[in-house]
Amino acid sequence: MSYPELHTQPQWRRTGNTHFPVAALVAGQWWVLRLNGFPDHPLWTLFVDGQRRFDLETAPSAWGPLHDAPMLETSTAQDILAPIRDFVAYASEIGDPCDNPFCCG
């Protein structure tokens, strides 16, 4: 399956959140990456405007380095993360949260 997001070059910003460390505004939509319990789960899950889009084992090279991103303002980050902040555990956004304390606890 092909995802156009994999070829986009988002301008990532750090959120200050351990579980959702980066976000980017792309074509008027907020993209957020969740860091999952790797290797038990894919390393990342991409959310677009609060909806799960897909999982990734590695970030595409087009996305550039994620760790060097500048920081978002705290209030902006909180607003962006509000729809997904309860989806910390892998697959919680689809109603089947991982309950393994070693990878998602």
N, C-alpha and C. Protein backbone atom coordinates (compact mmCIF):
# COMPACT_ATOMS: atom_id res chain seq x y z
N MET A 1 0.84 -1.17 0.00
CA MET A 1 0.00 0.00 0.00
C MET A 1 0.89 1.25 0.00
N SER A 2 0.54 2.23 -0.77
CA SER A 2 1.33 3.45 -0.88
C SER A 2 0.66 4.58 -0.12
N TYR A 3 1.44 5.31 0.62
CA TYR A 3 0.93 6.44 1.38
C TYR A 3 1.64 7.71 0.91
N PRO A 4 0.91 8.72 0.45
CA PRO A 4 1.56 9.95 -0.01
C PRO A 4 2.34 10.66 1.10
N GLU A 5 1.95 10.44 2.34
CA GLU A 5 2.64 11.07 3.47
C GLU A 5 4.12 10.69 3.52
N LEU A 6 4.45 9.52 3.00
CA LEU A 6 5.84 9.05 3.06
C LEU A 6 6.77 9.87 2.18
N HIS A 7 6.22 10.63 1.25
CA HIS A 7 7.04 11.42 0.33
C HIS A 7 6.97 12.92 0.61
N THR A 8 6.22 13.28 1.64
CA THR A 8 6.08 14.67 2.04
C THR A 8 7.26 15.05 2.94
N GLN A 9 7.59 16.32 2.97
CA GLN A 9 8.67 16.82 3.81
C GLN A 9 8.12 17.73 4.90
N PRO A 10 7.56 17.14 5.96
CA PRO A 10 6.98 17.96 7.03
C PRO A 10 8.06 18.74 7.78
N GLN A 11 7.67 19.86 8.31
CA GLN A 11 8.54 20.65 9.17
C GLN A 11 8.21 20.29 10.62
N TRP A 12 8.85 19.25 11.13
CA TRP A 12 8.55 18.73 12.46
C TRP A 12 8.92 19.74 13.54
N ARG A 13 8.13 19.70 14.62
CA ARG A 13 8.37 20.49 15.82
C ARG A 13 8.24 19.55 17.01
N ARG A 14 9.11 19.70 17.98
CA ARG A 14 9.02 18.88 19.19
C ARG A 14 7.85 19.37 20.04
N THR A 15 7.16 18.41 20.66
CA THR A 15 5.98 18.75 21.48
C THR A 15 6.30 18.83 22.97
N GLY A 16 7.41 18.24 23.39
CA GLY A 16 7.71 18.14 24.82
C GLY A 16 7.02 16.95 25.47
N ASN A 17 6.34 16.13 24.68
CA ASN A 17 5.62 14.95 25.18
C ASN A 17 6.42 13.69 24.84
N THR A 18 6.67 12.85 25.81
CA THR A 18 7.46 11.64 25.61
C THR A 18 6.81 10.67 24.62
N HIS A 19 5.50 10.52 24.70
CA HIS A 19 4.79 9.54 23.86
C HIS A 19 4.49 10.06 22.46
N PHE A 20 4.30 11.35 22.34
CA PHE A 20 4.00 12.00 21.06
C PHE A 20 5.04 13.11 20.85
N PRO A 21 6.27 12.74 20.50
CA PRO A 21 7.37 13.71 20.57
C PRO A 21 7.41 14.78 19.50
N VAL A 22 6.80 14.54 18.33
CA VAL A 22 6.87 15.54 17.26
C VAL A 22 5.53 15.70 16.56
N ALA A 23 5.33 16.92 16.03
CA ALA A 23 4.12 17.25 15.27
C ALA A 23 4.51 18.19 14.15
N ALA A 24 3.71 18.21 13.09
CA ALA A 24 3.95 19.11 11.97
C ALA A 24 2.62 19.52 11.36
N LEU A 25 2.52 20.77 10.97
CA LEU A 25 1.34 21.25 10.25
C LEU A 25 1.61 21.07 8.76
N VAL A 26 0.82 20.20 8.13
CA VAL A 26 1.00 19.86 6.71
C VAL A 26 -0.33 20.10 6.00
N ALA A 27 -0.33 21.04 5.07
CA ALA A 27 -1.53 21.35 4.27
C ALA A 27 -2.76 21.55 5.16
N GLY A 28 -2.56 22.27 6.27
CA GLY A 28 -3.67 22.58 7.16
C GLY A 28 -4.08 21.47 8.11
N GLN A 29 -3.34 20.37 8.13
CA GLN A 29 -3.64 19.25 9.03
C GLN A 29 -2.45 19.01 9.95
N TRP A 30 -2.74 18.72 11.21
CA TRP A 30 -1.67 18.41 12.15
C TRP A 30 -1.33 16.94 12.09
N TRP A 31 -0.07 16.67 11.83
CA TRP A 31 0.48 15.31 11.88
C TRP A 31 1.18 15.17 13.22
N VAL A 32 0.98 14.02 13.87
CA VAL A 32 1.63 13.74 15.13
C VAL A 32 2.16 12.31 15.07
N LEU A 33 3.39 12.12 15.55
CA LEU A 33 3.96 10.78 15.63
C LEU A 33 3.91 10.30 17.07
N ARG A 34 3.40 9.08 17.25
CA ARG A 34 3.45 8.43 18.57
C ARG A 34 4.63 7.47 18.54
N LEU A 35 5.43 7.51 19.59
CA LEU A 35 6.53 6.57 19.77
C LEU A 35 5.98 5.34 20.47
N ASN A 36 6.08 4.19 19.81
CA ASN A 36 5.52 2.94 20.34
C ASN A 36 6.58 2.10 21.03
N GLY A 37 6.13 1.04 21.70
CA GLY A 37 7.01 0.10 22.39
C GLY A 37 7.71 -0.83 21.41
N PHE A 38 8.74 -0.35 20.76
CA PHE A 38 9.51 -1.11 19.78
C PHE A 38 10.46 -2.04 20.53
N PRO A 39 10.69 -3.26 20.13
CA PRO A 39 10.31 -3.93 18.90
C PRO A 39 9.00 -4.73 18.97
N ASP A 40 8.30 -4.64 20.09
CA ASP A 40 7.04 -5.38 20.18
C ASP A 40 5.97 -4.81 19.26
N HIS A 41 6.10 -3.55 18.92
CA HIS A 41 5.17 -2.86 18.02
C HIS A 41 5.99 -2.04 17.03
N PRO A 42 5.37 -1.59 15.94
CA PRO A 42 6.09 -0.69 15.04
C PRO A 42 6.59 0.53 15.83
N LEU A 43 7.71 1.08 15.42
CA LEU A 43 8.33 2.17 16.16
C LEU A 43 7.42 3.40 16.25
N TRP A 44 6.73 3.74 15.15
CA TRP A 44 5.91 4.95 15.09
C TRP A 44 4.50 4.66 14.62
N THR A 45 3.55 5.49 15.07
CA THR A 45 2.20 5.55 14.50
C THR A 45 1.97 7.01 14.12
N LEU A 46 1.52 7.22 12.89
CA LEU A 46 1.21 8.57 12.42
C LEU A 46 -0.27 8.84 12.63
N PHE A 47 -0.57 9.97 13.27
CA PHE A 47 -1.93 10.47 13.42
C PHE A 47 -2.04 11.74 12.58
N VAL A 48 -3.14 11.89 11.86
CA VAL A 48 -3.41 13.09 11.08
C VAL A 48 -4.72 13.68 11.58
N ASP A 49 -4.63 14.89 12.11
CA ASP A 49 -5.79 15.55 12.73
C ASP A 49 -6.53 14.64 13.71
N GLY A 50 -5.77 13.96 14.54
CA GLY A 50 -6.34 13.13 15.60
C GLY A 50 -6.77 11.74 15.19
N GLN A 51 -6.61 11.39 13.93
CA GLN A 51 -7.01 10.06 13.44
C GLN A 51 -5.77 9.25 13.07
N ARG A 52 -5.76 7.98 13.49
CA ARG A 52 -4.65 7.11 13.13
C ARG A 52 -4.60 6.94 11.62
N ARG A 53 -3.40 7.10 11.06
CA ARG A 53 -3.23 6.93 9.62
C ARG A 53 -2.53 5.61 9.31
N PHE A 54 -1.34 5.36 9.87
CA PHE A 54 -0.62 4.10 9.66
C PHE A 54 0.56 4.01 10.62
N ASP A 55 1.14 2.80 10.68
CA ASP A 55 2.32 2.53 11.49
C ASP A 55 3.56 2.50 10.60
N LEU A 56 4.70 2.78 11.21
CA LEU A 56 5.98 2.75 10.50
C LEU A 56 7.04 2.09 11.38
N GLU A 57 7.94 1.36 10.74
CA GLU A 57 9.09 0.80 11.45
C GLU A 57 10.19 1.85 11.58
N THR A 58 10.35 2.68 10.55
CA THR A 58 11.32 3.77 10.56
C THR A 58 10.69 4.98 9.88
N ALA A 59 11.16 6.13 10.25
CA ALA A 59 10.67 7.35 9.59
C ALA A 59 11.31 7.46 8.21
N PRO A 60 10.54 7.82 7.19
CA PRO A 60 11.10 7.96 5.85
C PRO A 60 12.18 9.04 5.80
N SER A 61 13.14 8.88 4.92
CA SER A 61 14.23 9.86 4.81
C SER A 61 13.70 11.25 4.44
N ALA A 62 12.59 11.32 3.69
CA ALA A 62 12.01 12.61 3.31
C ALA A 62 11.59 13.42 4.54
N TRP A 63 11.34 12.75 5.66
CA TRP A 63 10.90 13.44 6.86
C TRP A 63 12.04 14.12 7.60
N GLY A 64 13.27 13.82 7.22
CA GLY A 64 14.43 14.44 7.86
C GLY A 64 14.59 13.99 9.30
N PRO A 65 15.57 14.56 9.99
CA PRO A 65 15.80 14.18 11.39
C PRO A 65 14.69 14.71 12.29
N LEU A 66 14.18 13.84 13.14
CA LEU A 66 13.09 14.23 14.04
C LEU A 66 13.62 14.87 15.32
N HIS A 67 14.78 14.43 15.77
CA HIS A 67 15.30 14.87 17.07
C HIS A 67 15.84 16.30 17.06
N ASP A 68 16.10 16.86 15.89
CA ASP A 68 16.64 18.22 15.80
C ASP A 68 15.56 19.28 15.61
N ALA A 69 14.32 18.89 15.67
CA ALA A 69 13.21 19.82 15.40
C ALA A 69 13.14 20.89 16.50
N PRO A 70 12.74 22.10 16.12
CA PRO A 70 12.53 23.14 17.13
C PRO A 70 11.29 22.83 17.97
N MET A 71 11.19 23.44 19.11
CA MET A 71 10.10 23.19 20.06
C MET A 71 8.87 24.04 19.72
N LEU A 72 7.70 23.41 19.82
CA LEU A 72 6.42 24.13 19.71
C LEU A 72 6.16 24.89 21.00
N GLU A 73 5.34 25.90 20.93
CA GLU A 73 4.87 26.55 22.16
C GLU A 73 4.05 25.53 22.95
N THR A 74 4.14 25.58 24.25
CA THR A 74 3.47 24.61 25.11
C THR A 74 1.97 24.57 24.87
N SER A 75 1.32 25.72 24.77
CA SER A 75 -0.13 25.74 24.57
C SER A 75 -0.52 25.16 23.22
N THR A 76 0.27 25.41 22.19
CA THR A 76 0.00 24.85 20.87
C THR A 76 0.14 23.34 20.91
N ALA A 77 1.21 22.84 21.53
CA ALA A 77 1.41 21.40 21.64
C ALA A 77 0.25 20.74 22.39
N GLN A 78 -0.20 21.36 23.47
CA GLN A 78 -1.31 20.80 24.24
C GLN A 78 -2.58 20.73 23.40
N ASP A 79 -2.85 21.75 22.61
CA ASP A 79 -4.04 21.76 21.74
C ASP A 79 -3.95 20.66 20.68
N ILE A 80 -2.78 20.51 20.09
CA ILE A 80 -2.59 19.50 19.05
C ILE A 80 -2.75 18.09 19.61
N LEU A 81 -2.22 17.85 20.80
CA LEU A 81 -2.24 16.52 21.39
C LEU A 81 -3.55 16.18 22.10
N ALA A 82 -4.40 17.16 22.35
CA ALA A 82 -5.64 16.92 23.10
C ALA A 82 -6.49 15.77 22.53
N PRO A 83 -6.69 15.66 21.21
CA PRO A 83 -7.55 14.58 20.71
C PRO A 83 -6.93 13.17 20.84
N ILE A 84 -5.61 13.10 21.03
CA ILE A 84 -4.96 11.78 21.06
C ILE A 84 -4.23 11.46 22.35
N ARG A 85 -4.25 12.37 23.32
CA ARG A 85 -3.43 12.19 24.52
C ARG A 85 -3.75 10.92 25.30
N ASP A 86 -4.95 10.37 25.15
CA ASP A 86 -5.30 9.13 25.84
C ASP A 86 -4.90 7.88 25.05
N PHE A 87 -4.30 8.06 23.88
CA PHE A 87 -3.91 6.94 23.03
C PHE A 87 -2.43 6.61 23.16
N VAL A 88 -1.94 6.57 24.37
CA VAL A 88 -0.53 6.29 24.62
C VAL A 88 -0.20 4.83 24.30
N ALA A 89 -1.03 3.90 24.73
CA ALA A 89 -0.77 2.47 24.48
C ALA A 89 -1.02 2.14 23.01
N TYR A 90 -0.16 1.30 22.46
CA TYR A 90 -0.30 0.89 21.07
C TYR A 90 -1.70 0.32 20.83
N ALA A 91 -2.36 0.71 19.77
CA ALA A 91 -3.69 0.26 19.33
C ALA A 91 -4.83 0.76 20.21
N SER A 92 -4.56 1.63 21.16
CA SER A 92 -5.64 2.17 22.00
C SER A 92 -6.61 3.01 21.16
N GLU A 93 -6.13 3.59 20.09
CA GLU A 93 -6.99 4.42 19.23
C GLU A 93 -8.01 3.60 18.45
N ILE A 94 -7.83 2.28 18.39
CA ILE A 94 -8.80 1.42 17.72
C ILE A 94 -9.56 0.55 18.72
N GLY A 95 -9.42 0.88 20.01
CA GLY A 95 -10.17 0.18 21.05
C GLY A 95 -9.57 -1.14 21.49
N ASP A 96 -8.31 -1.40 21.15
CA ASP A 96 -7.64 -2.65 21.53
C ASP A 96 -6.25 -2.34 22.09
N PRO A 97 -6.18 -1.58 23.21
CA PRO A 97 -4.88 -1.15 23.72
C PRO A 97 -4.02 -2.32 24.21
N CYS A 98 -2.76 -2.23 23.90
CA CYS A 98 -1.80 -3.20 24.42
C CYS A 98 -1.73 -3.03 25.93
N ASP A 99 -1.79 -4.15 26.64
CA ASP A 99 -1.72 -4.08 28.10
C ASP A 99 -0.46 -4.75 28.65
N ASN A 100 0.52 -4.97 27.80
CA ASN A 100 1.78 -5.57 28.21
C ASN A 100 2.59 -4.49 28.95
N PRO A 101 2.90 -4.71 30.24
CA PRO A 101 3.62 -3.68 30.99
C PRO A 101 5.05 -3.45 30.51
N PHE A 102 5.62 -4.37 29.76
CA PHE A 102 7.00 -4.22 29.29
C PHE A 102 7.12 -3.32 28.08
N CYS A 103 6.10 -3.27 27.24
CA CYS A 103 6.20 -2.43 26.04
C CYS A 103 5.26 -1.23 26.11
N CYS A 104 4.17 -1.33 26.81
CA CYS A 104 3.18 -0.24 26.82
C CYS A 104 2.79 0.21 28.21
N GLY A 105 3.45 -0.30 29.22
CA GLY A 105 3.08 0.04 30.59
C GLY A 105 3.79 1.20 31.08
